[in-house]
C-alpha cells in the first residue's frame, strides 16, 4: 500500500469513529492558556457526567493511592492538580472514543494501555529532573496517547497489522515499528499523529508521538519531549510493562539520555518507581472500566 493511499484511507476512515466528547475540544483550547482557572476546567468536565464518573474512578484507583474517597471534581483537582485532571479528562475521553481492540496474538487492549500509562508515569518522573524550561503539563497525555496509532491500524487494516505483529516476532525484525514501515510505509507513531491531527489535538502533544520511533530531532518539535518519550518507552518495554507487539525491548537511546542529562542512577530510580507501581499500573484500566 502506497503512503498517500494509506494516508487518504486513514483520514476517510477516521470519520467513521465516534466523535469526541463535547468537553474535549473546549479543554484542548484551554491547554495553552496559562490564565485558566481550576474552576473553569471543573465546570467544563462537569457538563459530561459520564466523563466525570470515569475521572473520579481514576482518581480513586490504586495508581494514585489516596487513602480517602474522592467523590467530587473539586476534591480531585485539589489533590491531583487541575492540569492532571484536565489531562485525565482528555485521555479518558479519547480512549473511550476509540473502538475496542479485538484480542490477537502478541497484542491486547489491556496491554496497550498498561504500557501507555507506564510510559506516561516514567515521562513525568524523568521530566522532574529535566531542569527548568517550558511547562510540561502535557507530558502525561503524550505518554498515554503515544501508541494510539496501533488502535487505528488494527481497526482499519487488521490483516496487515496482524502480519506486522507476526513479522515482529522474527529475530531479524524483533521490532513492531520496523515491520509496520515495511508493510505500510508508516509506523504507528506516524499513524497516531494523523489521527490526533484530524481530531485537532494540540501540536505540542502530536509532535513527539509522530516521531517517537524515528531518529534525530525534527525541527519544530521540542527535543526534550521527544527524548522523554523515547527513553520512557524503552524503559517500560525493558521492564515488560504492558504489551506492545515487539518481543525485544527498544535499546535505551544514547543521544536522548544526553539531552535529558540522566545517568544510570536516575534511570534506576525511575525503574524502581515503575516496579513499585506495577500492580497499580496494571489495575488502572480495570478500575476505570475501559472498554
C-alpha atoms as a PDB file:
ATOM      1  CA  UNK A   1       0.000   0.000   0.000  1.00  0.00           C
ATOM      2  CA  UNK A   2       1.441   3.380  -1.006  1.00  0.00           C
ATOM      3  CA  UNK A   3       1.882   6.052   1.648  1.00  0.00           C
ATOM      4  CA  UNK A   4      -0.526   8.537   0.091  1.00  0.00           C
ATOM      5  CA  UNK A   5      -3.151   5.837  -0.421  1.00  0.00           C
ATOM      6  CA  UNK A   6      -2.827   4.812   3.216  1.00  0.00           C
ATOM      7  CA  UNK A   7      -2.988   8.414   4.387  1.00  0.00           C
ATOM      8  CA  UNK A   8      -6.154   9.072   2.375  1.00  0.00           C
ATOM      9  CA  UNK A   9      -7.758   5.876   3.654  1.00  0.00           C
ATOM     10  CA  UNK A  10      -6.921   6.642   7.267  1.00  0.00           C
ATOM     11  CA  UNK A  11      -8.348  10.150   7.038  1.00  0.00           C
ATOM     12  CA  UNK A  12     -11.551   8.888   5.448  1.00  0.00           C
ATOM     13  CA  UNK A  13     -11.963   6.059   7.970  1.00  0.00           C
ATOM     14  CA  UNK A  14     -11.358   8.369  10.931  1.00  0.00           C
ATOM     15  CA  UNK A  15     -14.712   9.925  10.091  1.00  0.00           C
ATOM     16  CA  UNK A  16     -16.299   6.582  10.993  1.00  0.00           C
ATOM     17  CA  UNK A  17     -15.032   6.797  14.576  1.00  0.00           C
ATOM     18  CA  UNK A  18     -17.336   8.211  17.252  1.00  0.00           C
ATOM     19  CA  UNK A  19     -16.992  11.932  17.842  1.00  0.00           C
ATOM     20  CA  UNK A  20     -15.023  13.082  20.856  1.00  0.00           C
ATOM     21  CA  UNK A  21     -16.984  14.094  23.969  1.00  0.00           C
ATOM     22  CA  UNK A  22     -18.066  17.717  23.623  1.00  0.00           C
ATOM     23  CA  UNK A  23     -15.978  18.740  26.640  1.00  0.00           C
ATOM     24  CA  UNK A  24     -12.698  17.781  24.967  1.00  0.00           C
ATOM     25  CA  UNK A  25     -12.449  20.476  22.284  1.00  0.00           C
ATOM     26  CA  UNK A  26     -13.083  23.088  24.966  1.00  0.00           C
ATOM     27  CA  UNK A  27     -10.400  21.598  27.213  1.00  0.00           C
ATOM     28  CA  UNK A  28      -7.966  21.466  24.289  1.00  0.00           C
ATOM     29  CA  UNK A  29      -8.423  25.169  23.640  1.00  0.00           C
ATOM     30  CA  UNK A  30      -7.521  25.852  27.268  1.00  0.00           C
ATOM     31  CA  UNK A  31      -4.302  23.809  27.217  1.00  0.00           C
ATOM     32  CA  UNK A  32      -2.184  26.749  26.114  1.00  0.00           C
ATOM     33  CA  UNK A  33      -3.988  29.269  28.326  1.00  0.00           C
ATOM     34  CA  UNK A  34      -1.829  29.900  31.393  1.00  0.00           C
ATOM     35  CA  UNK A  35      -4.552  32.006  32.995  1.00  0.00           C
ATOM     36  CA  UNK A  36      -7.286  29.356  33.027  1.00  0.00           C
ATOM     37  CA  UNK A  37      -8.672  28.587  36.474  1.00  0.00           C
ATOM     38  CA  UNK A  38      -9.324  25.230  38.107  1.00  0.00           C
ATOM     39  CA  UNK A  39     -12.986  26.197  38.457  1.00  0.00           C
ATOM     40  CA  UNK A  40     -13.258  26.719  34.690  1.00  0.00           C
ATOM     41  CA  UNK A  41     -11.803  23.267  33.998  1.00  0.00           C
ATOM     42  CA  UNK A  42     -14.141  21.683  36.556  1.00  0.00           C
ATOM     43  CA  UNK A  43     -17.171  23.393  35.012  1.00  0.00           C
ATOM     44  CA  UNK A  44     -16.360  22.064  31.551  1.00  0.00           C
ATOM     45  CA  UNK A  45     -15.797  18.491  32.744  1.00  0.00           C
ATOM     46  CA  UNK A  46     -18.882  18.549  34.984  1.00  0.00           C
ATOM     47  CA  UNK A  47     -21.030  19.104  31.892  1.00  0.00           C
ATOM     48  CA  UNK A  48     -20.303  15.480  30.912  1.00  0.00           C
ATOM     49  CA  UNK A  49     -21.487  13.179  33.762  1.00  0.00           C
ATOM     50  CA  UNK A  50     -20.009  10.034  32.168  1.00  0.00           C
ATOM     51  CA  UNK A  51     -16.584  11.653  31.815  1.00  0.00           C
ATOM     52  CA  UNK A  52     -16.797  12.978  35.374  1.00  0.00           C
ATOM     53  CA  UNK A  53     -17.573   9.495  36.691  1.00  0.00           C
ATOM     54  CA  UNK A  54     -14.575   7.970  34.906  1.00  0.00           C
ATOM     55  CA  UNK A  55     -12.236  10.684  36.201  1.00  0.00           C
ATOM     56  CA  UNK A  56     -13.356  10.038  39.763  1.00  0.00           C
ATOM     57  CA  UNK A  57     -12.811   6.298  39.275  1.00  0.00           C
ATOM     58  CA  UNK A  58      -9.300   7.037  38.034  1.00  0.00           C
ATOM     59  CA  UNK A  59      -8.601   9.370  40.961  1.00  0.00           C
ATOM     60  CA  UNK A  60      -9.705   6.637  43.378  1.00  0.00           C
ATOM     61  CA  UNK A  61      -7.535   3.955  41.779  1.00  0.00           C
ATOM     62  CA  UNK A  62      -4.503   2.431  43.472  1.00  0.00           C
ATOM     63  CA  UNK A  63      -2.338   4.262  40.940  1.00  0.00           C
ATOM     64  CA  UNK A  64      -2.805   7.492  42.893  1.00  0.00           C
ATOM     65  CA  UNK A  65      -3.140   5.813  46.274  1.00  0.00           C
ATOM     66  CA  UNK A  66      -5.179   8.375  48.190  1.00  0.00           C
ATOM     67  CA  UNK A  67      -6.419   6.951  51.495  1.00  0.00           C
ATOM     68  CA  UNK A  68      -9.800   8.704  51.417  1.00  0.00           C
ATOM     69  CA  UNK A  69     -12.576   8.511  48.844  1.00  0.00           C
ATOM     70  CA  UNK A  70     -12.559  11.297  46.254  1.00  0.00           C
ATOM     71  CA  UNK A  71     -16.186  11.976  45.412  1.00  0.00           C
ATOM     72  CA  UNK A  72     -16.156  15.387  43.705  1.00  0.00           C
ATOM     73  CA  UNK A  73     -14.233  17.022  40.871  1.00  0.00           C
ATOM     74  CA  UNK A  74     -13.217  19.853  43.172  1.00  0.00           C
ATOM     75  CA  UNK A  75     -11.653  17.339  45.551  1.00  0.00           C
ATOM     76  CA  UNK A  76      -9.894  15.557  42.669  1.00  0.00           C
ATOM     77  CA  UNK A  77      -8.480  18.854  41.429  1.00  0.00           C
ATOM     78  CA  UNK A  78      -7.321  19.813  44.910  1.00  0.00           C
ATOM     79  CA  UNK A  79      -5.408  16.524  45.310  1.00  0.00           C
ATOM     80  CA  UNK A  80      -4.208  15.841  41.752  1.00  0.00           C
ATOM     81  CA  UNK A  81      -3.919  19.384  40.444  1.00  0.00           C
ATOM     82  CA  UNK A  82      -6.122  20.752  37.708  1.00  0.00           C
ATOM     83  CA  UNK A  83      -3.548  20.083  34.966  1.00  0.00           C
ATOM     84  CA  UNK A  84      -3.578  16.373  35.788  1.00  0.00           C
ATOM     85  CA  UNK A  85      -7.381  16.288  35.966  1.00  0.00           C
ATOM     86  CA  UNK A  86      -7.556  18.045  32.604  1.00  0.00           C
ATOM     87  CA  UNK A  87      -5.088  15.524  31.143  1.00  0.00           C
ATOM     88  CA  UNK A  88      -7.091  12.640  32.596  1.00  0.00           C
ATOM     89  CA  UNK A  89     -10.283  14.042  31.101  1.00  0.00           C
ATOM     90  CA  UNK A  90      -8.730  14.304  27.654  1.00  0.00           C
ATOM     91  CA  UNK A  91      -7.049  10.902  27.869  1.00  0.00           C
ATOM     92  CA  UNK A  92     -10.159   9.084  29.070  1.00  0.00           C
ATOM     93  CA  UNK A  93     -12.395  10.872  26.567  1.00  0.00           C
ATOM     94  CA  UNK A  94     -10.127   9.950  23.655  1.00  0.00           C
ATOM     95  CA  UNK A  95      -9.648   6.377  24.857  1.00  0.00           C
ATOM     96  CA  UNK A  96     -13.383   5.758  25.117  1.00  0.00           C
ATOM     97  CA  UNK A  97     -13.982   7.266  21.680  1.00  0.00           C
ATOM     98  CA  UNK A  98     -11.829   4.576  20.085  1.00  0.00           C
ATOM     99  CA  UNK A  99     -13.134   1.155  19.076  1.00  0.00           C
ATOM    100  CA  UNK A 100     -12.428  -1.790  21.335  1.00  0.00           C
ATOM    101  CA  UNK A 101      -9.328  -3.723  20.294  1.00  0.00           C
ATOM    102  CA  UNK A 102     -10.143  -7.340  19.400  1.00  0.00           C
ATOM    103  CA  UNK A 103      -7.844  -9.913  21.006  1.00  0.00           C
ATOM    104  CA  UNK A 104      -4.978 -11.279  18.934  1.00  0.00           C
ATOM    105  CA  UNK A 105      -1.557 -12.859  19.417  1.00  0.00           C
ATOM    106  CA  UNK A 106       1.209 -10.645  20.795  1.00  0.00           C
ATOM    107  CA  UNK A 107      -1.113  -7.672  21.354  1.00  0.00           C
ATOM    108  CA  UNK A 108      -4.030  -6.736  23.590  1.00  0.00           C
ATOM    109  CA  UNK A 109      -6.012  -3.656  24.528  1.00  0.00           C
ATOM    110  CA  UNK A 110      -5.181  -4.023  28.217  1.00  0.00           C
ATOM    111  CA  UNK A 111      -1.514  -4.472  27.381  1.00  0.00           C
ATOM    112  CA  UNK A 112      -1.542  -1.403  25.139  1.00  0.00           C
ATOM    113  CA  UNK A 113      -3.000   0.935  27.753  1.00  0.00           C
ATOM    114  CA  UNK A 114      -0.974  -0.562  30.598  1.00  0.00           C
ATOM    115  CA  UNK A 115       2.222   0.132  28.660  1.00  0.00           C
ATOM    116  CA  UNK A 116       0.990   3.609  27.753  1.00  0.00           C
ATOM    117  CA  UNK A 117       0.199   4.517  31.371  1.00  0.00           C
ATOM    118  CA  UNK A 118       3.614   3.239  32.460  1.00  0.00           C
ATOM    119  CA  UNK A 119       5.277   5.424  29.806  1.00  0.00           C
ATOM    120  CA  UNK A 120       3.245   8.440  30.945  1.00  0.00           C
ATOM    121  CA  UNK A 121       4.390   7.869  34.536  1.00  0.00           C
ATOM    122  CA  UNK A 122       8.012   7.395  33.511  1.00  0.00           C
ATOM    123  CA  UNK A 123       7.922  10.598  31.467  1.00  0.00           C
ATOM    124  CA  UNK A 124       6.663  12.542  34.452  1.00  0.00           C
ATOM    125  CA  UNK A 125       9.421  11.105  36.665  1.00  0.00           C
ATOM    126  CA  UNK A 126      12.125  11.949  34.130  1.00  0.00           C
ATOM    127  CA  UNK A 127      10.665  15.396  33.424  1.00  0.00           C
ATOM    128  CA  UNK A 128      11.148  16.407  37.056  1.00  0.00           C
ATOM    129  CA  UNK A 129      14.878  16.068  36.561  1.00  0.00           C
ATOM    130  CA  UNK A 130      14.967  17.653  33.114  1.00  0.00           C
ATOM    131  CA  UNK A 131      15.676  21.078  34.558  1.00  0.00           C
ATOM    132  CA  UNK A 132      13.864  24.386  34.135  1.00  0.00           C
ATOM    133  CA  UNK A 133      12.221  25.241  30.864  1.00  0.00           C
ATOM    134  CA  UNK A 134       8.808  25.491  29.349  1.00  0.00           C
ATOM    135  CA  UNK A 135       5.773  23.977  31.042  1.00  0.00           C
ATOM    136  CA  UNK A 136       5.435  20.214  30.573  1.00  0.00           C
ATOM    137  CA  UNK A 137       1.845  19.827  31.748  1.00  0.00           C
ATOM    138  CA  UNK A 138       1.140  17.944  28.510  1.00  0.00           C
ATOM    139  CA  UNK A 139       3.659  15.152  29.198  1.00  0.00           C
ATOM    140  CA  UNK A 140       1.124  12.730  30.715  1.00  0.00           C
ATOM    141  CA  UNK A 141      -1.021  13.000  27.588  1.00  0.00           C
ATOM    142  CA  UNK A 142       1.930  12.417  25.283  1.00  0.00           C
ATOM    143  CA  UNK A 143       2.808   9.221  27.139  1.00  0.00           C
ATOM    144  CA  UNK A 144      -0.719   7.885  27.379  1.00  0.00           C
ATOM    145  CA  UNK A 145      -1.512   8.507  23.701  1.00  0.00           C
ATOM    146  CA  UNK A 146       1.834   7.646  22.111  1.00  0.00           C
ATOM    147  CA  UNK A 147       0.721   4.228  20.786  1.00  0.00           C
ATOM    148  CA  UNK A 148      -2.796   5.231  19.767  1.00  0.00           C
ATOM    149  CA  UNK A 149      -1.908   4.601  16.108  1.00  0.00           C
ATOM    150  CA  UNK A 150      -1.897   0.859  16.816  1.00  0.00           C
ATOM    151  CA  UNK A 151      -5.646   1.050  17.501  1.00  0.00           C
ATOM    152  CA  UNK A 152      -6.202   2.697  14.113  1.00  0.00           C
ATOM    153  CA  UNK A 153      -4.118   0.070  12.311  1.00  0.00           C
ATOM    154  CA  UNK A 154      -5.795  -2.935  13.912  1.00  0.00           C
ATOM    155  CA  UNK A 155      -9.261  -1.436  13.435  1.00  0.00           C
ATOM    156  CA  UNK A 156      -8.957  -0.475   9.770  1.00  0.00           C
ATOM    157  CA  UNK A 157      -6.101  -2.664   8.483  1.00  0.00           C
ATOM    158  CA  UNK A 158      -6.416  -5.735  10.682  1.00  0.00           C
ATOM    159  CA  UNK A 159      -4.896  -8.349   8.375  1.00  0.00           C
ATOM    160  CA  UNK A 160      -1.887  -6.192   7.516  1.00  0.00           C
ATOM    161  CA  UNK A 161      -1.372  -5.254  11.169  1.00  0.00           C
ATOM    162  CA  UNK A 162      -1.535  -8.921  12.201  1.00  0.00           C
ATOM    163  CA  UNK A 163       1.089  -9.593   9.541  1.00  0.00           C
ATOM    164  CA  UNK A 164       3.274  -6.866  11.067  1.00  0.00           C
ATOM    165  CA  UNK A 165       2.834  -8.419  14.508  1.00  0.00           C
ATOM    166  CA  UNK A 166       3.949 -11.794  13.188  1.00  0.00           C
ATOM    167  CA  UNK A 167       6.926 -10.311  11.382  1.00  0.00           C
ATOM    168  CA  UNK A 168       7.938  -8.506  14.562  1.00  0.00           C
ATOM    169  CA  UNK A 169       8.363 -11.868  16.310  1.00  0.00           C
ATOM    170  CA  UNK A 170      11.161 -12.892  13.947  1.00  0.00           C
ATOM    171  CA  UNK A 171      14.701 -12.407  15.285  1.00  0.00           C
ATOM    172  CA  UNK A 172      15.769 -10.458  12.205  1.00  0.00           C
ATOM    173  CA  UNK A 173      12.974  -7.906  12.769  1.00  0.00           C
ATOM    174  CA  UNK A 174      12.120  -8.033  16.500  1.00  0.00           C
ATOM    175  CA  UNK A 175      10.529  -4.571  16.483  1.00  0.00           C
ATOM    176  CA  UNK A 176       6.935  -3.830  15.505  1.00  0.00           C
ATOM    177  CA  UNK A 177       7.585  -0.371  14.089  1.00  0.00           C
ATOM    178  CA  UNK A 178      10.170  -1.835  11.688  1.00  0.00           C
ATOM    179  CA  UNK A 179       7.622  -4.369  10.383  1.00  0.00           C
ATOM    180  CA  UNK A 180       4.970  -1.639  10.115  1.00  0.00           C
ATOM    181  CA  UNK A 181       7.202   0.517   7.951  1.00  0.00           C
ATOM    182  CA  UNK A 182       7.884  -2.367   5.600  1.00  0.00           C
ATOM    183  CA  UNK A 183       4.194  -3.219   5.222  1.00  0.00           C
ATOM    184  CA  UNK A 184       2.517   0.187   5.456  1.00  0.00           C
ATOM    185  CA  UNK A 185       5.259   2.703   4.765  1.00  0.00           C
ATOM    186  CA  UNK A 186       4.388   4.266   8.144  1.00  0.00           C
ATOM    187  CA  UNK A 187       4.826   3.252  11.758  1.00  0.00           C
ATOM    188  CA  UNK A 188       2.137   3.512  14.414  1.00  0.00           C
ATOM    189  CA  UNK A 189       3.580   6.771  15.761  1.00  0.00           C
ATOM    190  CA  UNK A 190       3.039   8.470  12.425  1.00  0.00           C
ATOM    191  CA  UNK A 191      -0.462   6.997  12.128  1.00  0.00           C
ATOM    192  CA  UNK A 192      -1.298   8.191  15.647  1.00  0.00           C
ATOM    193  CA  UNK A 193      -0.180  11.687  14.668  1.00  0.00           C
ATOM    194  CA  UNK A 194      -2.564  11.571  11.690  1.00  0.00           C
ATOM    195  CA  UNK A 195      -5.486  10.665  13.941  1.00  0.00           C
ATOM    196  CA  UNK A 196      -4.657  13.281  16.566  1.00  0.00           C
ATOM    197  CA  UNK A 197      -4.168  15.951  13.903  1.00  0.00           C
ATOM    198  CA  UNK A 198      -7.588  15.109  12.471  1.00  0.00           C
ATOM    199  CA  UNK A 199      -9.033  15.470  15.960  1.00  0.00           C
ATOM    200  CA  UNK A 200      -7.297  18.850  16.382  1.00  0.00           C
ATOM    201  CA  UNK A 201      -5.220  17.778  19.384  1.00  0.00           C
ATOM    202  CA  UNK A 202      -2.606  20.465  20.225  1.00  0.00           C
ATOM    203  CA  UNK A 203       0.645  20.146  18.212  1.00  0.00           C
ATOM    204  CA  UNK A 204       2.731  20.024  21.410  1.00  0.00           C
ATOM    205  CA  UNK A 205       1.196  16.565  22.018  1.00  0.00           C
ATOM    206  CA  UNK A 206       1.193  15.348  18.424  1.00  0.00           C
ATOM    207  CA  UNK A 207       4.828  16.198  17.632  1.00  0.00           C
ATOM    208  CA  UNK A 208       6.652  13.745  19.936  1.00  0.00           C
ATOM    209  CA  UNK A 209       4.120  10.981  19.224  1.00  0.00           C
ATOM    210  CA  UNK A 210       4.651  11.196  15.476  1.00  0.00           C
ATOM    211  CA  UNK A 211       8.429  10.809  15.699  1.00  0.00           C
ATOM    212  CA  UNK A 212       8.904   8.598  18.741  1.00  0.00           C
ATOM    213  CA  UNK A 213      10.245   5.720  16.627  1.00  0.00           C
ATOM    214  CA  UNK A 214      12.206   7.998  14.331  1.00  0.00           C
ATOM    215  CA  UNK A 215      15.776   9.195  14.519  1.00  0.00           C
ATOM    216  CA  UNK A 216      17.100  12.619  15.274  1.00  0.00           C
ATOM    217  CA  UNK A 217      15.082  15.593  16.397  1.00  0.00           C
ATOM    218  CA  UNK A 218      12.913  17.229  13.734  1.00  0.00           C
ATOM    219  CA  UNK A 219      12.709  20.998  13.692  1.00  0.00           C
ATOM    220  CA  UNK A 220       9.613  22.417  15.341  1.00  0.00           C
ATOM    221  CA  UNK A 221       9.263  19.676  17.955  1.00  0.00           C
ATOM    222  CA  UNK A 222      10.638  20.087  21.462  1.00  0.00           C
ATOM    223  CA  UNK A 223      13.782  17.936  21.735  1.00  0.00           C
ATOM    224  CA  UNK A 224      13.254  17.298  25.437  1.00  0.00           C
ATOM    225  CA  UNK A 225       9.717  15.992  24.889  1.00  0.00           C
ATOM    226  CA  UNK A 226      10.909  13.604  22.179  1.00  0.00           C
ATOM    227  CA  UNK A 227      13.766  12.416  24.387  1.00  0.00           C
ATOM    228  CA  UNK A 228      11.434  11.885  27.359  1.00  0.00           C
ATOM    229  CA  UNK A 229       9.105   9.736  25.266  1.00  0.00           C
ATOM    230  CA  UNK A 230      11.815   7.641  23.605  1.00  0.00           C
ATOM    231  CA  UNK A 231      13.659   6.924  26.851  1.00  0.00           C
ATOM    232  CA  UNK A 232      10.455   6.187  28.782  1.00  0.00           C
ATOM    233  CA  UNK A 233       9.155   3.893  26.040  1.00  0.00           C
ATOM    234  CA  UNK A 234      12.408   1.921  26.093  1.00  0.00           C
ATOM    235  CA  UNK A 235      12.425   1.725  29.898  1.00  0.00           C
ATOM    236  CA  UNK A 236       8.869   0.372  30.078  1.00  0.00           C
ATOM    237  CA  UNK A 237       9.452  -2.161  27.316  1.00  0.00           C
ATOM    238  CA  UNK A 238      12.561  -3.338  29.126  1.00  0.00           C
ATOM    239  CA  UNK A 239      10.514  -3.847  32.305  1.00  0.00           C
ATOM    240  CA  UNK A 240       7.809  -5.711  30.360  1.00  0.00           C
ATOM    241  CA  UNK A 241       5.115  -3.303  31.499  1.00  0.00           C
ATOM    242  CA  UNK A 242       2.179  -3.917  29.193  1.00  0.00           C
ATOM    243  CA  UNK A 243       2.225  -5.410  25.735  1.00  0.00           C
ATOM    244  CA  UNK A 244       3.260  -3.540  22.625  1.00  0.00           C
ATOM    245  CA  UNK A 245       3.739  -6.210  19.982  1.00  0.00           C
ATOM    246  CA  UNK A 246       7.551  -6.308  19.966  1.00  0.00           C
ATOM    247  CA  UNK A 247       9.316  -9.309  21.536  1.00  0.00           C
ATOM    248  CA  UNK A 248      12.515  -7.382  22.200  1.00  0.00           C
ATOM    249  CA  UNK A 249      12.800  -4.092  24.099  1.00  0.00           C
ATOM    250  CA  UNK A 250      13.969  -0.991  22.285  1.00  0.00           C
ATOM    251  CA  UNK A 251      17.581  -0.206  23.294  1.00  0.00           C
ATOM    252  CA  UNK A 252      17.899   2.829  25.556  1.00  0.00           C
ATOM    253  CA  UNK A 253      18.735   5.703  23.199  1.00  0.00           C
ATOM    254  CA  UNK A 254      22.094   7.356  23.851  1.00  0.00           C
ATOM    255  CA  UNK A 255      21.570  10.830  22.385  1.00  0.00           C
ATOM    256  CA  UNK A 256      18.242  11.196  24.180  1.00  0.00           C
ATOM    257  CA  UNK A 257      19.892  10.407  27.518  1.00  0.00           C
ATOM    258  CA  UNK A 258      22.438  13.145  26.838  1.00  0.00           C
ATOM    259  CA  UNK A 259      19.668  15.650  26.143  1.00  0.00           C
ATOM    260  CA  UNK A 260      17.941  14.750  29.398  1.00  0.00           C
ATOM    261  CA  UNK A 261      21.260  14.601  31.292  1.00  0.00           C
ATOM    262  CA  UNK A 262      20.267  11.423  33.078  1.00  0.00           C
ATOM    263  CA  UNK A 263      22.724   8.824  34.278  1.00  0.00           C
ATOM    264  CA  UNK A 264      22.377   5.248  35.412  1.00  0.00           C
ATOM    265  CA  UNK A 265      21.394   6.315  38.925  1.00  0.00           C
ATOM    266  CA  UNK A 266      18.469   8.412  37.686  1.00  0.00           C
ATOM    267  CA  UNK A 267      17.339   5.670  35.332  1.00  0.00           C
ATOM    268  CA  UNK A 268      17.438   3.102  38.123  1.00  0.00           C
ATOM    269  CA  UNK A 269      15.346   5.389  40.292  1.00  0.00           C
ATOM    270  CA  UNK A 270      12.644   5.553  37.610  1.00  0.00           C
ATOM    271  CA  UNK A 271      12.801   1.776  37.147  1.00  0.00           C
ATOM    272  CA  UNK A 272      12.383   1.275  40.898  1.00  0.00           C
ATOM    273  CA  UNK A 273       9.375   3.612  40.889  1.00  0.00           C
ATOM    274  CA  UNK A 274       7.762   1.746  37.995  1.00  0.00           C
ATOM    275  CA  UNK A 275       8.345  -1.651  39.611  1.00  0.00           C
ATOM    276  CA  UNK A 276       6.861  -0.397  42.874  1.00  0.00           C
ATOM    277  CA  UNK A 277       3.830   0.887  40.936  1.00  0.00           C
ATOM    278  CA  UNK A 278       3.456  -2.205  38.713  1.00  0.00           C
ATOM    279  CA  UNK A 279       0.340  -3.588  40.398  1.00  0.00           C
ATOM    280  CA  UNK A 280      -1.364  -0.183  40.437  1.00  0.00           C
ATOM    281  CA  UNK A 281      -0.467   0.458  36.795  1.00  0.00           C
ATOM    282  CA  UNK A 282      -1.727  -2.946  35.680  1.00  0.00           C
ATOM    283  CA  UNK A 283      -5.003  -2.483  37.580  1.00  0.00           C
ATOM    284  CA  UNK A 284      -5.674   1.107  36.492  1.00  0.00           C
ATOM    285  CA  UNK A 285      -7.831   0.379  33.455  1.00  0.00           C
ATOM    286  CA  UNK A 286      -9.727  -2.397  35.193  1.00  0.00           C
ATOM    287  CA  UNK A 287     -10.733   0.159  37.791  1.00  0.00           C
ATOM    288  CA  UNK A 288     -11.620   2.602  35.050  1.00  0.00           C
ATOM    289  CA  UNK A 289     -13.804   0.139  33.203  1.00  0.00           C
ATOM    290  CA  UNK A 290     -12.067   0.731  29.881  1.00  0.00           C
ATOM    291  CA  UNK A 291     -13.992  -0.989  27.081  1.00  0.00           C
END
